[in-house]
Protein backbone atom coordinates (compact mmCIF):
# COMPACT_ATOMS: atom_id res chain seq x y z
CA MET A 1 0.82 32.10 5.87
CA THR A 2 -2.65 32.09 6.52
CA PHE A 3 -4.35 29.67 8.86
CA ALA A 4 -6.02 27.68 6.29
CA VAL A 5 -2.69 26.94 4.34
CA ARG A 6 -0.97 25.99 7.56
CA THR A 7 -3.85 23.75 8.53
CA VAL A 8 -3.64 22.00 4.89
CA THR A 9 0.16 21.74 5.54
CA VAL A 10 -0.28 20.19 8.90
CA ARG A 11 -2.64 17.61 7.69
CA THR A 12 -0.47 16.80 4.51
CA SER A 13 2.50 16.08 6.84
CA PHE A 14 0.39 13.75 9.08
CA ALA A 15 -0.65 11.90 6.02
CA SER A 16 2.83 11.60 4.97
CA LEU A 17 4.13 10.37 8.29
CA ALA A 18 1.09 7.85 8.26
CA LEU A 19 2.23 6.40 5.00
CA LEU A 20 5.75 6.16 6.21
CA TRP A 21 4.75 4.06 9.32
CA ALA A 22 2.19 1.82 7.27
CA VAL A 23 3.13 -1.72 7.70
CA ALA A 24 3.74 -3.87 4.73
CA VAL A 25 2.71 -7.58 4.80
CA LEU A 26 3.84 -9.18 1.52
CA PRO A 27 3.26 -12.72 0.11
CA ARG A 28 6.98 -13.27 -0.48
CA GLU A 29 10.24 -11.47 0.12
CA PRO A 30 11.12 -8.32 -1.87
CA ASP A 31 13.71 -9.04 -4.62
CA ALA A 32 17.31 -8.24 -4.16
CA GLY A 33 17.91 -4.49 -4.08
CA ASP A 34 14.17 -3.62 -3.21
CA LEU A 35 14.89 -3.50 0.48
CA ARG A 36 16.21 -0.31 1.79
CA LEU A 37 18.63 -0.08 5.02
CA GLY A 38 16.48 0.16 7.95
CA GLN A 39 13.24 -0.89 6.23
CA ARG A 40 11.02 -3.83 7.89
CA VAL A 41 8.51 -5.89 5.97
CA TYR A 42 6.55 -8.76 6.96
CA VAL A 43 6.24 -11.84 4.90
CA ASP A 44 3.39 -14.26 5.06
CA ASP A 45 4.84 -17.09 3.08
CA GLY A 46 4.12 -19.98 5.58
CA SER A 47 7.71 -20.36 6.76
CA CYS A 48 6.92 -19.54 10.50
CA PRO A 49 4.89 -21.45 13.05
CA ALA A 50 1.44 -20.74 13.57
CA GLY A 51 0.68 -17.36 15.00
CA GLN A 52 4.01 -15.91 13.86
CA ILE A 53 5.00 -14.02 10.57
CA LYS A 54 8.37 -13.45 9.09
CA GLU A 55 10.07 -10.24 9.61
CA VAL A 56 12.60 -9.08 6.88
CA ALA A 57 14.99 -6.16 7.78
CA GLY A 58 17.73 -4.29 5.92
CA ALA A 59 20.31 -4.48 8.48
CA THR A 60 23.90 -3.46 7.14
CA LEU A 61 25.03 -1.88 3.91
CA THR A 62 27.91 -3.75 2.14
CA ALA A 63 29.47 -3.34 -1.04
CA SER A 64 27.10 -5.87 -2.77
CA GLY A 65 23.85 -4.35 -1.18
CA VAL A 66 21.77 -4.44 1.97
CA THR A 67 22.13 -7.59 4.09
CA ARG A 68 18.87 -8.77 5.77
CA ILE A 69 18.07 -10.22 8.83
CA ARG A 70 15.18 -12.70 8.99
CA GLN A 71 13.24 -13.72 12.07
CA CYS A 72 9.71 -15.13 12.96
CA VAL A 73 7.83 -12.91 15.22
CA ALA A 74 4.53 -13.08 16.75
CA ARG A 75 1.63 -11.62 14.67
CA SER A 76 0.30 -9.55 17.40
CA SER A 77 3.56 -7.62 17.60
CA ILE A 78 2.75 -6.09 14.14
CA ARG A 79 1.68 -2.35 14.64
CA ARG A 80 -0.82 -1.47 12.14
């Protein structure tokens, strides 16, 4: 493997990791079946007090799908 190919491979890997860690802020909750186990999304639907945003996380896997945990968190706690 040459140095140029190695450099491109490393840069591509870092770009992929950045996409995985990107924060999703949605206007509404994802539909049933669209949230994966362990995935977290932030929903700005106005249901939380000022300065907070709803965090929805895929918590446990059941026979009927992934159960969700919803809580209001400070907007400043979102890592962008």
